[in-house]
Amino acid sequence: MSASQIPSKNQGLSFISRASRTWRRFTTPHPSVKAIGDRRRAQLLSILTLILSFLFVGAVIYGPRSYGVFLALSGITLTSYALSRTEYFRIGTYLFTYVFTAIGYLRIYQGAADSMEAAVVSTVHVSLVLSSVLLSQRGFLALVVLSTAATFAAPFYSNVPVSEMDNVGRAGGIVLVIGAILYGINIFRTNLDKEQLEALGNTNTELEDIKESLEKRIAARTLELQAANQQTQDRVARLQIVSELSQEISASVGLRSKEMLTTVTKAISEKLGYYHVGIFLLDENREYAILRAANSEGGQQMLSRTHQLRVGGTGIVGYVAQSGYPRIALDTGTDAVFFNNPDLPETRSEMALPLKHGASVMGVLDVQSTLPSAFNDEDAGTLSTLANQLAIVITNLQTRDEADVGPTSGRMRSRGRQLSREEKSSGYSINPDGTISSVPPKNIPSLDKAITSGETVILAQPPTGSFPSLAVPVKFRDRVVGIIHVEAAEPNRRWSDDEVAMVQAISDRAAFALENARLFEGATRRADQEETIARVTTQIGSSTDFTRILQTTIQELGQALGASRSFIQIGAPSENERSTDPEQ
C-alpha cells in the first residue's frame, strides 16, 4: 500500500509544481520593469485581469444579462492584461480602473441599471478599492474626485428614475468617504513603505560600513600576517647565516688569532652584507679598545696606523666597551655625530656589540652599513649570540698564544692545561642578560638519562618548582661527549618537533667543532712536550761539566713541570749521608 502511495504524492507535488510555474509564467512582469513597487503593481494587474478573464469565461456559460457591457468589460480586461505584461503596464492600470469605473456611470446614463445607487455600489465601489492598490496617489485622487462629481451629477444625465434626492447625496457621500478612506490608507501605506525603505537603507548603510570596516581590518590583519611571515622568514634566514658563521668560527680555531679575526670579519661582511666589520680588543690596562681586524679598505687603513678608541670615550665602540651593552646608532639626530670617520665615509648606520666572556668585556664587534636605520633590537639579539661565541674562541686563542710565548712559560702552559681539564668537567650557561658563564656539572635525572641512553630526553611535565626542559646529547661517532640542556622560561611550554630538530642539528655541529678543538689541543700539547724535551736536551748538552749538567737538568725540569722542589741523585747515598740528611 505504501508503495502505491508514493507515486501519488510525487504526482501531486509534480502537478502543484507545474501549476505554480505556469501561474508565474502568466503573471511575471516584463523584465524592463525594475522598481519593486512597479513590479508589484504590474503583477497585481496581471493577476486581477487574469482572474476576471476566467470569470468572464464562466459568465458566457450562464449567459450575461447585457452583452454590450459584458463585451466591453471583457475587452478592457484582456487589453489591460496584455499591457500588464509589457513595459507599458501603467497604461493598463489607468485603462482598467478608469474604464471599469466609467462603466457604472455609463449604465446610469443608458438606464440599464435597476437604480442609480445599485449601479454605483456594484461598480464604482469595487473600482475604487482596486484603484487604491493599482494607481499612484495622484491617479487615485483624480479618480475619487471624478467619481464623486459624477455621482452627485447623476440626476442631470441619468435615464434611471430618481425618486428621492437624498439617495443621490447618500451615494455621492459614500463614494467620497470610501475614496477618502482609501486615499488615507494609501498615504499611510506609502509613508510606512518609505519608513521601511529608510530603515532598510540605514541598515544597509550600517552593513556597508561594517563590511568596509571588516574589509579594512582583514586587509590590515593580512598585512600584519604578511609582515609577520616576512619577519619570521628573515629571522630564520638570519639564524641560518649565524649558524653558518658559527661553523666558520669553529673551523678557524686552528688559525692564529690575527688570521682567525680577519677571516671572521670577512665572513660576517659577506654573509650579512655589511659595509664594514671590525673587531676591537681591550688592552692590558683596559683603557683603549684597539682595532685588531677589519674587512673594509678603510678598516685596513685604520689597522695600518693601529687605530684605537678610549674606553668610555666618544663613539659607540667606547660606550659598549665600558658598559657591556649593545648600542645602535642611526644616521639621524644626535647619533649622526658618530659618522664622521674619513676612512668610512659611506656609513649610515652602526651597531656595536660587546665581546664578553662571563661578565668581563674583552672587546667589541663593530658592524656598519650604508643604509640608514639598517639595525634593530632583533639584529642586536641575534648577533649577540655570535659575539659571545666569538669571545669564547678569542679567549681560547689568547690562552693558546700565551702558552707559546717563550721557553720559560712551562708553568703557564701547565696552568693552561689544568684549566682546560677543569673546563672539560664543567659547562657554560647563558644568563638572562645574554652573558655566558661557567657552571659546575649538575646531577639532573634527565641529563643522566640522556648521557646514558645517548638519546634526546624531553621533560614536558617536570616536578613542582621546575620548568619543562630538553636534554640533547652531543655525540661524535656514537660517543657522547657532552650534553645540551635547554630549560623553558614558562611552566606551560611544549617543545615542537622543529625546535627539537634544531637543537639536535646544533648538537651535531657542536660535536664536530668540539672534536676539532680536542684534536687541536692534543696536537698543541704534544708539540709543547716535544718543544720542552728538545729545549731541556739542548740545555743539558750545552755543557761538559758534570756538576753543571746536573744543575741544568734539575733546573729545567723544575721550570717545565712547575715544581716547588726537585732534586737529582747519582748513585746510592752512604750510611753516613743518610744519617746526616736533614730531610730524613
Protein backbone atom coordinates (compact mmCIF):
# COMPACT_ATOMS: atom_id res chain seq x y z
CA MET A 1 0.00 0.00 0.00
CA SER A 2 2.78 2.39 0.88
CA ALA A 3 4.49 1.70 -2.40
CA SER A 4 1.35 2.71 -4.29
CA GLN A 5 1.01 5.94 -2.29
CA ILE A 6 4.49 7.25 -3.05
CA PRO A 7 3.84 7.79 -6.79
CA SER A 8 0.56 9.53 -5.88
CA LYS A 9 2.38 12.02 -3.65
CA ASN A 10 5.04 12.55 -6.26
CA GLN A 11 2.41 13.12 -8.93
CA GLY A 12 0.59 15.59 -6.65
CA LEU A 13 3.77 17.51 -5.99
CA SER A 14 4.63 17.47 -9.65
CA PHE A 15 1.21 18.86 -10.59
CA ILE A 16 1.40 21.63 -7.99
CA SER A 17 4.91 22.49 -9.15
CA ARG A 18 3.86 22.61 -12.78
CA ALA A 19 0.79 24.70 -11.94
CA SER A 20 2.92 27.12 -9.90
CA ARG A 21 5.42 27.52 -12.73
CA THR A 22 2.59 28.08 -15.21
CA TRP A 23 0.95 30.71 -12.98
CA ARG A 24 4.26 32.56 -12.53
CA ARG A 25 4.81 32.46 -16.27
CA PHE A 26 1.47 34.23 -16.89
CA THR A 27 1.83 36.82 -14.09
CA THR A 28 5.52 37.75 -14.12
CA PRO A 29 6.07 41.41 -15.14
CA HIS A 30 8.14 42.46 -18.12
CA PRO A 31 11.95 42.30 -17.49
CA SER A 32 12.25 46.02 -18.18
CA VAL A 33 10.23 46.82 -15.05
CA LYS A 34 12.90 47.09 -12.33
CA ALA A 35 11.38 49.08 -9.45
CA ILE A 36 9.84 46.93 -6.73
CA GLY A 37 6.63 49.00 -6.48
CA ASP A 38 6.10 49.00 -10.24
CA ARG A 39 6.70 45.24 -10.45
CA ARG A 40 4.11 44.67 -7.72
CA ARG A 41 1.50 46.85 -9.47
CA ALA A 42 2.16 45.18 -12.81
CA GLN A 43 1.92 41.70 -11.25
CA LEU A 44 -1.29 42.62 -9.36
CA LEU A 45 -2.85 43.94 -12.56
CA SER A 46 -1.95 40.68 -14.31
CA ILE A 47 -3.50 38.61 -11.50
CA LEU A 48 -6.75 40.66 -11.34
CA THR A 49 -7.30 40.78 -15.06
CA LEU A 50 -6.44 37.09 -15.42
CA ILE A 51 -8.95 36.14 -12.70
CA LEU A 52 -11.63 38.35 -14.28
CA SER A 53 -10.91 36.71 -17.62
CA PHE A 54 -11.68 33.29 -16.12
CA LEU A 55 -14.86 34.71 -14.55
CA PHE A 56 -15.94 36.12 -17.89
CA VAL A 57 -15.47 32.71 -19.45
CA GLY A 58 -17.79 31.29 -16.79
CA ALA A 59 -20.29 34.10 -17.40
CA VAL A 60 -20.52 33.13 -21.05
CA ILE A 61 -21.74 29.67 -20.00
CA TYR A 62 -24.60 31.06 -17.88
CA GLY A 63 -25.35 33.91 -20.27
CA PRO A 64 -24.80 37.62 -19.44
CA ARG A 65 -27.74 39.97 -18.96
CA SER A 66 -26.20 42.66 -21.16
CA TYR A 67 -23.88 41.55 -23.92
CA GLY A 68 -22.75 45.11 -24.56
CA VAL A 69 -21.46 45.62 -21.03
CA PHE A 70 -20.06 42.08 -20.99
CA LEU A 71 -18.12 42.60 -24.18
CA ALA A 72 -16.85 45.98 -23.03
CA LEU A 73 -15.62 44.60 -19.71
CA SER A 74 -14.07 41.58 -21.41
CA GLY A 75 -12.25 43.74 -23.92
CA ILE A 76 -10.95 46.14 -21.28
CA THR A 77 -9.83 43.24 -19.07
CA LEU A 78 -7.97 41.43 -21.85
CA THR A 79 -6.36 44.65 -23.06
CA SER A 80 -5.25 45.55 -19.52
CA TYR A 81 -3.80 42.06 -19.04
CA ALA A 82 -1.86 42.34 -22.27
CA LEU A 83 -0.48 45.74 -21.21
CA SER A 84 0.47 44.36 -17.74
CA ARG A 85 2.94 42.01 -19.44
CA THR A 86 4.72 44.88 -21.20
CA GLU A 87 6.71 47.89 -20.15
CA TYR A 88 3.53 50.00 -20.63
CA PHE A 89 1.74 48.44 -17.67
CA ARG A 90 0.84 51.90 -16.29
CA ILE A 91 -1.45 52.49 -19.27
CA GLY A 92 -3.12 49.18 -18.46
CA THR A 93 -3.74 50.20 -14.82
CA TYR A 94 -5.37 53.51 -15.82
CA LEU A 95 -7.37 51.86 -18.60
CA PHE A 96 -8.61 49.09 -16.31
CA THR A 97 -9.57 51.29 -13.32
CA TYR A 98 -10.97 54.36 -15.11
CA VAL A 99 -12.93 52.44 -17.72
CA PHE A 100 -14.18 49.95 -15.14
CA THR A 101 -15.42 52.91 -13.06
CA ALA A 102 -16.89 54.66 -16.10
CA ILE A 103 -18.98 51.60 -16.99
CA GLY A 104 -21.05 52.10 -13.82
CA TYR A 105 -21.92 55.66 -14.78
CA LEU A 106 -22.45 54.58 -18.39
CA ARG A 107 -25.11 52.16 -17.19
CA ILE A 108 -26.78 55.03 -15.31
CA TYR A 109 -26.66 57.15 -18.47
CA GLN A 110 -28.10 54.36 -20.59
CA GLY A 111 -30.72 53.45 -17.99
CA ALA A 112 -29.54 49.84 -17.93
CA ALA A 113 -29.24 49.74 -14.14
CA ASP A 114 -32.06 48.96 -11.77
CA SER A 115 -31.25 52.10 -9.82
CA MET A 116 -28.61 54.72 -9.70
CA GLU A 117 -27.42 53.65 -6.23
CA ALA A 118 -27.21 49.99 -7.30
CA ALA A 119 -25.05 50.88 -10.30
CA VAL A 120 -22.68 52.91 -8.14
CA VAL A 121 -22.44 50.24 -5.44
CA SER A 122 -21.89 47.34 -7.82
CA THR A 123 -19.28 49.03 -9.98
CA VAL A 124 -17.78 52.23 -8.59
CA HIS A 125 -17.13 50.97 -5.05
CA VAL A 126 -15.26 47.90 -6.32
CA SER A 127 -13.35 50.03 -8.81
CA LEU A 128 -12.22 52.43 -6.08
CA VAL A 129 -10.86 49.55 -3.96
CA LEU A 130 -8.89 48.14 -6.88
CA SER A 131 -7.70 51.60 -7.95
CA SER A 132 -6.29 52.38 -4.48
CA VAL A 133 -3.87 49.49 -4.99
CA LEU A 134 -3.11 49.81 -8.69
CA LEU A 135 -2.87 53.57 -9.19
CA SER A 136 -0.47 56.13 -7.87
CA GLN A 137 -1.69 58.62 -5.27
CA ARG A 138 -2.34 61.32 -7.86
CA GLY A 139 -4.12 58.96 -10.22
CA PHE A 140 -6.29 57.57 -7.44
CA LEU A 141 -7.12 61.06 -6.10
CA ALA A 142 -8.18 62.14 -9.57
CA LEU A 143 -10.43 59.08 -9.89
CA VAL A 144 -12.05 59.79 -6.48
CA VAL A 145 -12.77 63.40 -7.47
CA LEU A 146 -14.24 62.38 -10.84
CA SER A 147 -16.31 59.57 -9.29
CA THR A 148 -17.71 61.85 -6.57
CA ALA A 149 -18.57 64.55 -9.09
CA ALA A 150 -20.20 62.05 -11.45
CA THR A 151 -22.27 60.59 -8.60
CA PHE A 152 -23.60 63.99 -7.46
CA ALA A 153 -24.31 64.99 -11.10
CA ALA A 154 -26.15 61.75 -11.89
CA PRO A 155 -29.63 63.36 -11.85
CA PHE A 156 -28.59 65.57 -14.76
CA TYR A 157 -27.60 62.76 -17.15
CA SER A 158 -29.29 59.67 -15.64
CA ASN A 159 -32.03 57.85 -17.55
CA VAL A 160 -32.81 55.86 -14.38
CA PRO A 161 -35.70 57.32 -12.36
CA VAL A 162 -34.53 59.03 -9.22
CA SER A 163 -37.25 59.14 -6.63
CA GLU A 164 -35.54 60.98 -3.83
CA MET A 165 -32.71 63.50 -3.94
CA ASP A 166 -31.24 62.21 -0.69
CA ASN A 167 -30.33 58.96 -2.48
CA VAL A 168 -28.00 60.92 -4.74
CA GLY A 169 -26.45 62.70 -1.77
CA ARG A 170 -26.06 59.47 0.14
CA ALA A 171 -24.50 57.69 -2.85
CA GLY A 172 -22.15 60.60 -3.53
CA GLY A 173 -21.21 60.86 0.13
CA ILE A 174 -20.45 57.15 0.31
CA VAL A 175 -18.23 57.42 -2.77
CA LEU A 176 -16.43 60.40 -1.25
CA VAL A 177 -15.96 58.68 2.13
CA ILE A 178 -14.73 55.45 0.56
CA GLY A 179 -12.32 57.41 -1.63
CA ALA A 180 -11.06 59.47 1.32
CA ILE A 181 -10.56 56.39 3.49
CA LEU A 182 -8.75 54.51 0.74
CA TYR A 183 -6.67 57.58 -0.06
CA GLY A 184 -5.68 57.91 3.60
CA ILE A 185 -4.83 54.21 3.70
CA ASN A 186 -2.77 54.69 0.53
CA ILE A 187 -0.87 57.60 2.08
CA PHE A 188 -0.31 55.64 5.30
CA ARG A 189 0.93 52.64 3.35
CA THR A 190 3.19 54.84 1.25
CA ASN A 191 4.68 56.52 4.33
CA LEU A 192 5.06 53.15 6.00
CA ASP A 193 6.86 51.78 2.96
CA LYS A 194 9.02 54.88 2.88
CA GLU A 195 9.96 54.48 6.53
CA GLN A 196 10.68 50.82 5.99
CA LEU A 197 12.81 51.69 2.98
CA GLU A 198 14.64 54.32 5.01
CA ALA A 199 15.17 51.85 7.84
CA LEU A 200 16.31 49.27 5.32
CA GLY A 201 18.59 51.87 3.73
CA ASN A 202 20.05 52.77 7.12
CA THR A 203 20.54 49.09 7.87
CA ASN A 204 22.20 48.62 4.51
CA THR A 205 24.39 51.63 5.18
CA GLU A 206 25.39 50.23 8.56
CA LEU A 207 26.05 46.86 6.96
CA GLU A 208 28.15 48.53 4.30
CA ASP A 209 30.07 50.40 6.98
CA ILE A 210 30.56 47.18 8.92
CA LYS A 211 31.59 45.41 5.72
CA GLU A 212 34.03 48.18 4.87
CA SER A 213 35.39 48.16 8.41
CA LEU A 214 35.77 44.39 8.32
CA GLU A 215 37.48 44.57 4.95
CA LYS A 216 39.87 47.18 6.29
CA ARG A 217 40.54 45.08 9.38
CA ILE A 218 41.03 41.99 7.24
CA ALA A 219 43.36 43.90 4.94
CA ALA A 220 45.28 45.29 7.92
CA ARG A 221 45.40 41.85 9.51
CA THR A 222 46.57 40.36 6.23
CA LEU A 223 49.34 42.94 6.02
CA GLU A 224 50.29 42.20 9.61
CA LEU A 225 50.40 38.45 8.88
CA GLN A 226 52.43 39.05 5.75
CA ALA A 227 54.81 41.28 7.70
CA ALA A 228 55.00 38.69 10.48
CA ASN A 229 55.66 35.91 7.97
CA GLN A 230 58.30 38.01 6.25
CA GLN A 231 59.84 38.84 9.62
CA THR A 232 59.83 35.15 10.54
CA GLN A 233 61.45 34.24 7.23
CA ASP A 234 64.06 36.95 7.71
CA ARG A 235 64.70 35.74 11.26
CA VAL A 236 65.09 32.13 10.06
CA ALA A 237 67.43 33.25 7.28
CA ARG A 238 69.43 35.36 9.74
CA LEU A 239 69.68 32.47 12.18
CA GLN A 240 70.82 30.19 9.36
CA ILE A 241 73.52 32.70 8.44
CA VAL A 242 74.59 32.99 12.08
CA SER A 243 74.75 29.20 12.25
CA GLU A 244 76.97 29.13 9.18
CA LEU A 245 79.16 31.85 10.67
CA SER A 246 79.42 29.84 13.88
CA GLN A 247 80.65 26.87 11.87
CA GLU A 248 83.25 29.03 10.15
CA ILE A 249 84.42 30.37 13.51
CA SER A 250 84.69 26.83 14.85
CA ALA A 251 86.54 25.71 11.73
CA SER A 252 89.09 28.53 12.10
CA VAL A 253 90.27 27.59 15.59
CA GLY A 254 93.46 26.17 14.06
CA LEU A 255 94.49 29.59 12.76
CA ARG A 256 96.46 32.19 14.64
CA SER A 257 94.50 34.94 16.39
CA LYS A 258 95.02 37.62 13.74
CA GLU A 259 94.19 35.29 10.85
CA MET A 260 91.09 34.00 12.61
CA LEU A 261 89.78 37.50 13.39
CA THR A 262 90.34 38.64 9.80
CA THR A 263 88.53 35.57 8.48
CA VAL A 264 85.58 36.24 10.81
CA THR A 265 85.21 39.90 9.78
CA LYS A 266 85.21 38.97 6.08
CA ALA A 267 82.69 36.16 6.63
CA ILE A 268 80.29 38.41 8.57
CA SER A 269 80.53 41.14 5.92
CA GLU A 270 79.94 38.75 3.02
CA LYS A 271 77.06 36.78 4.52
CA LEU A 272 75.18 39.66 6.15
CA GLY A 273 76.05 42.34 3.58
CA TYR A 274 77.63 44.85 5.94
CA TYR A 275 79.82 47.66 4.65
CA HIS A 276 82.38 47.43 7.44
CA VAL A 277 83.05 44.86 10.17
CA GLY A 278 85.71 45.46 12.79
CA ILE A 279 86.85 43.65 15.92
CA PHE A 280 88.29 45.68 18.78
CA LEU A 281 90.13 44.09 21.73
CA LEU A 282 90.89 45.84 25.01
CA ASP A 283 94.50 46.42 26.01
CA GLU A 284 96.02 45.06 29.22
CA ASN A 285 95.12 48.18 31.22
CA ARG A 286 91.56 48.22 29.77
CA GLU A 287 91.98 51.85 28.79
CA TYR A 288 91.77 51.54 25.00
CA ALA A 289 89.86 49.36 22.53
CA ILE A 290 92.38 48.54 19.77
CA LEU A 291 91.24 47.55 16.29
CA ARG A 292 92.61 44.05 15.60
CA ALA A 293 90.78 43.03 12.39
CA ALA A 294 88.60 44.62 9.70
CA ASN A 295 87.30 43.73 6.24
CA SER A 296 86.87 47.10 4.51
CA GLU A 297 89.53 49.22 2.82
CA GLY A 298 89.01 51.97 5.37
CA GLY A 299 89.37 49.38 8.11
CA GLN A 300 92.71 48.25 6.64
CA GLN A 301 93.93 51.84 6.70
CA MET A 302 92.94 52.14 10.36
CA LEU A 303 94.76 48.86 11.10
CA SER A 304 97.91 50.16 9.49
CA ARG A 305 98.04 53.08 11.92
CA THR A 306 96.92 50.99 14.94
CA HIS A 307 93.51 52.64 15.34
CA GLN A 308 92.32 52.68 18.94
CA LEU A 309 89.46 54.26 20.89
CA ARG A 310 89.35 55.20 24.55
CA VAL A 311 87.05 53.05 26.68
CA GLY A 312 84.09 55.20 27.67
CA GLY A 313 85.03 57.91 25.18
CA THR A 314 83.07 59.44 22.31
CA GLY A 315 81.53 56.89 19.94
CA ILE A 316 79.50 53.77 20.40
CA VAL A 317 82.56 51.48 20.50
CA GLY A 318 83.92 53.24 23.57
CA TYR A 319 80.47 53.25 25.14
CA VAL A 320 79.94 49.50 24.59
CA ALA A 321 83.47 48.68 25.77
CA GLN A 322 82.71 50.42 29.06
CA SER A 323 79.03 49.49 29.62
CA GLY A 324 79.00 45.96 28.21
CA TYR A 325 75.63 46.57 26.49
CA PRO A 326 74.89 46.68 22.74
CA ARG A 327 74.38 50.07 21.13
CA ILE A 328 72.80 51.06 17.80
CA ALA A 329 73.46 54.41 16.11
CA LEU A 330 71.36 55.65 13.17
CA ASP A 331 72.04 58.45 10.71
CA THR A 332 69.53 60.73 12.43
CA GLY A 333 69.52 63.22 15.29
CA THR A 334 72.38 63.24 17.74
CA ASP A 335 73.77 59.90 16.52
CA ALA A 336 74.89 61.48 13.25
CA VAL A 337 77.97 62.83 15.02
CA PHE A 338 79.36 59.29 15.13
CA PHE A 339 79.60 59.07 11.32
CA ASN A 340 82.44 61.50 10.76
CA ASN A 341 85.18 58.92 10.16
CA PRO A 342 87.00 59.86 6.91
CA ASP A 343 88.10 56.23 6.48
CA LEU A 344 84.46 55.08 6.37
CA PRO A 345 82.59 57.89 4.58
CA GLU A 346 79.62 55.73 3.42
CA THR A 347 78.46 54.68 6.90
CA ARG A 348 74.80 55.49 7.64
CA SER A 349 74.11 53.01 10.46
CA GLU A 350 76.34 51.42 13.07
CA MET A 351 75.92 48.74 15.71
CA ALA A 352 78.46 47.72 18.35
CA LEU A 353 78.21 44.50 20.37
CA PRO A 354 80.30 43.60 23.42
CA LEU A 355 82.60 40.57 23.30
CA LYS A 356 82.03 39.13 26.76
CA HIS A 357 83.48 36.07 28.39
CA GLY A 358 81.50 35.61 31.55
CA ALA A 359 80.82 39.05 32.97
CA SER A 360 84.04 40.58 31.62
CA VAL A 361 84.15 42.64 28.41
CA MET A 362 87.19 41.73 26.36
CA GLY A 363 86.38 43.60 23.17
CA VAL A 364 83.75 44.99 20.77
CA LEU A 365 82.30 43.72 17.49
CA ASP A 366 81.59 46.77 15.32
CA VAL A 367 79.36 46.50 12.20
CA GLN A 368 78.44 49.37 9.89
CA SER A 369 76.01 49.69 6.97
CA THR A 370 75.50 52.11 4.09
CA LEU A 371 71.72 52.02 4.67
CA PRO A 372 70.00 54.34 7.17
CA SER A 373 68.16 52.59 10.02
CA ALA A 374 69.66 49.25 9.00
CA PHE A 375 69.77 47.75 12.50
CA ASN A 376 67.17 46.99 15.15
CA ASP A 377 67.00 45.27 18.53
CA GLU A 378 66.37 41.92 16.88
CA ASP A 379 69.63 42.21 14.93
CA ALA A 380 71.41 43.06 18.17
CA GLY A 381 69.95 39.99 19.89
CA THR A 382 70.87 37.68 17.02
CA LEU A 383 74.42 38.92 16.61
CA SER A 384 75.00 38.98 20.37
CA THR A 385 74.95 35.19 20.31
CA LEU A 386 77.62 35.24 17.62
CA ALA A 387 79.63 37.81 19.58
CA ASN A 388 79.55 35.64 22.71
CA GLN A 389 80.78 32.63 20.76
CA LEU A 390 83.49 34.75 19.19
CA ALA A 391 84.54 35.93 22.67
CA ILE A 392 84.99 32.31 23.83
CA VAL A 393 87.07 31.45 20.77
CA ILE A 394 89.23 34.56 21.22
CA THR A 395 89.77 33.70 24.88
CA ASN A 396 90.90 30.19 23.98
CA LEU A 397 93.19 31.52 21.26
CA GLN A 398 94.70 34.04 23.63
CA THR A 399 95.34 31.29 26.17
CA ARG A 400 96.98 29.21 23.48
CA ASP A 401 99.07 32.13 22.24
CA GLU A 402 100.23 32.93 25.78
CA ALA A 403 101.31 29.31 26.12
CA ASP A 404 103.54 29.77 23.06
CA VAL A 405 105.29 32.96 24.23
CA GLY A 406 108.72 31.57 25.21
CA PRO A 407 110.76 28.74 26.65
CA THR A 408 110.24 29.90 30.24
CA SER A 409 106.47 29.62 30.15
CA GLY A 410 106.25 25.97 31.20
CA ARG A 411 104.43 26.81 34.40
CA MET A 412 101.91 28.96 32.48
CA ARG A 413 101.33 26.15 29.96
CA SER A 414 100.83 23.76 32.85
CA ARG A 415 98.18 26.11 34.27
CA GLY A 416 96.55 26.39 30.85
CA ARG A 417 96.33 22.61 30.56
CA GLN A 418 94.98 22.33 34.06
CA LEU A 419 92.29 24.96 33.29
CA SER A 420 91.35 23.07 30.15
CA ARG A 421 90.87 19.88 32.14
CA GLU A 422 88.70 21.75 34.62
CA GLU A 423 86.59 23.17 31.80
CA LYS A 424 86.05 19.67 30.48
CA SER A 425 84.36 18.72 33.71
CA SER A 426 82.15 21.81 33.70
CA GLY A 427 79.89 23.62 31.26
CA TYR A 428 78.64 27.00 30.10
CA SER A 429 75.27 28.65 30.71
CA ILE A 430 73.68 31.69 29.11
CA ASN A 431 72.37 34.19 31.61
CA PRO A 432 69.16 36.30 31.27
CA ASP A 433 71.27 39.35 30.39
CA GLY A 434 72.88 37.49 27.46
CA THR A 435 76.23 36.83 29.11
CA ILE A 436 77.84 33.39 29.22
CA SER A 437 79.35 31.97 32.39
CA SER A 438 80.92 28.71 33.51
CA VAL A 439 78.84 26.38 35.67
CA PRO A 440 79.77 23.16 37.51
CA PRO A 441 78.14 19.86 36.49
CA LYS A 442 74.72 19.20 38.00
CA ASN A 443 73.05 15.92 38.96
CA ILE A 444 69.82 16.13 36.94
CA PRO A 445 67.97 12.86 36.14
CA SER A 446 67.07 13.93 32.59
CA LEU A 447 70.71 14.79 31.85
CA ASP A 448 71.93 11.48 33.26
CA LYS A 449 69.34 9.64 31.19
CA ALA A 450 70.34 11.46 28.00
CA ILE A 451 74.04 10.72 28.65
CA THR A 452 73.37 7.06 29.45
CA SER A 453 70.97 6.36 26.55
CA GLY A 454 72.51 8.71 24.03
CA GLU A 455 69.00 9.83 23.04
CA THR A 456 67.11 13.11 23.37
CA VAL A 457 65.09 13.41 26.58
CA ILE A 458 62.08 15.75 26.65
CA LEU A 459 60.73 16.59 30.09
CA ALA A 460 57.24 18.01 29.33
CA GLN A 461 55.81 17.61 32.86
CA PRO A 462 58.60 18.50 35.30
CA PRO A 463 58.33 18.23 39.07
CA THR A 464 56.91 21.11 41.08
CA GLY A 465 59.23 24.11 41.16
CA SER A 466 60.94 23.38 37.84
CA PHE A 467 60.16 24.07 34.19
CA PRO A 468 59.90 21.89 31.06
CA SER A 469 63.35 21.04 29.75
CA LEU A 470 65.05 19.46 26.77
CA ALA A 471 68.26 17.39 27.04
CA VAL A 472 70.07 16.61 23.78
CA PRO A 473 73.31 14.58 23.85
CA VAL A 474 76.29 15.90 21.92
CA LYS A 475 77.63 12.79 20.15
CA PHE A 476 80.61 12.23 17.91
CA ARG A 477 80.77 8.83 16.23
CA ASP A 478 78.15 7.39 18.63
CA ARG A 479 80.17 8.59 21.63
CA VAL A 480 78.53 11.11 23.97
CA VAL A 481 80.97 13.98 24.55
CA GLY A 482 78.59 16.44 26.17
CA ILE A 483 75.00 17.47 26.73
CA ILE A 484 72.87 20.46 25.70
CA HIS A 485 70.29 21.29 28.35
CA VAL A 486 67.54 23.80 27.45
CA GLU A 487 65.07 24.89 30.12
CA ALA A 488 61.86 26.79 29.26
CA ALA A 489 61.05 30.17 30.75
CA GLU A 490 57.38 29.35 31.38
CA PRO A 491 55.80 26.27 33.01
CA ASN A 492 53.37 25.51 30.15
CA ARG A 493 55.94 25.36 27.36
CA ARG A 494 55.66 22.50 24.87
CA TRP A 495 58.65 21.71 22.67
CA SER A 496 57.75 21.39 18.97
CA ASP A 497 59.34 18.89 16.59
CA ASP A 498 61.05 21.73 14.71
CA GLU A 499 62.62 23.06 17.92
CA VAL A 500 63.86 19.59 18.91
CA ALA A 501 65.27 19.04 15.41
CA MET A 502 67.01 22.44 15.51
CA VAL A 503 68.70 21.65 18.87
CA GLN A 504 69.74 18.22 17.58
CA ALA A 505 71.26 19.78 14.46
CA ILE A 506 73.16 22.27 16.60
CA SER A 507 74.39 19.45 18.84
CA ASP A 508 75.75 17.58 15.81
CA ARG A 509 77.67 20.64 14.66
CA ALA A 510 78.87 21.35 18.19
CA ALA A 511 80.17 17.76 18.45
CA PHE A 512 82.14 18.22 15.25
CA ALA A 513 83.60 21.52 16.44
CA LEU A 514 84.48 20.06 19.84
CA GLU A 515 86.24 17.13 18.22
CA ASN A 516 88.26 19.54 16.07
CA ALA A 517 89.17 21.55 19.17
CA ARG A 518 90.14 18.35 21.03
CA LEU A 519 92.40 17.23 18.21
CA PHE A 520 93.95 20.67 18.01
CA GLU A 521 94.51 20.77 21.77
CA GLY A 522 96.09 17.31 21.69
CA ALA A 523 98.39 18.31 18.85
CA THR A 524 99.31 21.51 20.70
CA ARG A 525 100.03 19.59 23.89
CA ARG A 526 102.25 17.09 22.09
CA ALA A 527 104.07 19.93 20.37
CA ASP A 528 104.64 21.60 23.74
CA GLN A 529 106.03 18.36 25.14
CA GLU A 530 108.39 17.89 22.20
CA GLU A 531 109.48 21.51 22.49
CA THR A 532 110.15 21.11 26.23
CA ILE A 533 112.11 17.90 25.69
CA ALA A 534 114.16 19.45 22.92
CA ARG A 535 114.87 22.59 24.92
CA VAL A 536 115.90 20.66 28.07
CA THR A 537 118.05 18.32 26.00
CA THR A 538 119.75 21.28 24.32
CA GLN A 539 120.49 22.93 27.66
CA ILE A 540 121.89 19.70 29.11
CA GLY A 541 124.04 19.03 26.08
CA SER A 542 125.47 22.54 26.01
CA SER A 543 127.81 21.79 28.95
CA THR A 544 130.53 19.16 29.54
CA ASP A 545 130.90 19.80 33.24
CA PHE A 546 129.37 17.02 35.35
CA THR A 547 128.07 19.28 38.10
CA ARG A 548 126.78 21.84 35.59
CA ILE A 549 124.89 19.12 33.76
CA LEU A 550 123.18 18.01 36.98
CA GLN A 551 122.29 21.58 37.92
CA THR A 552 120.92 22.36 34.45
CA THR A 553 118.86 19.18 34.40
CA ILE A 554 117.19 19.77 37.75
CA GLN A 555 116.59 23.46 36.98
CA GLU A 556 114.97 22.88 33.57
CA LEU A 557 112.79 20.03 34.87
CA GLY A 558 111.59 22.12 37.77
CA GLN A 559 110.65 25.01 35.48
CA ALA A 560 109.00 22.75 32.90
CA LEU A 561 106.91 20.90 35.48
CA GLY A 562 106.21 23.89 37.70
CA ALA A 563 107.51 22.01 40.75
CA SER A 564 108.10 23.79 44.04
CA ARG A 565 111.07 21.50 44.86
CA SER A 566 113.08 19.00 42.80
CA PHE A 567 116.35 17.17 43.26
CA ILE A 568 118.55 14.69 41.40
CA GLN A 569 120.73 11.97 42.90
CA ILE A 570 123.52 9.98 41.27
CA GLY A 571 124.36 6.64 42.92
CA ALA A 572 123.19 5.30 46.31
CA PRO A 573 123.99 7.51 49.37
CA SER A 574 126.26 6.13 52.05
CA GLU A 575 125.09 5.26 55.55
CA ASN A 576 126.69 8.43 56.95
CA GLU A 577 124.93 10.58 54.32
CA ARG A 578 121.57 9.03 55.11
CA SER A 579 122.05 9.59 58.84
CA THR A 580 123.05 13.22 58.38
CA ASP A 581 120.39 14.05 55.78
CA PRO A 582 118.16 16.71 57.40
CA GLU A 583 115.17 15.69 55.26
CA GLN A 584 115.13 12.19 56.84
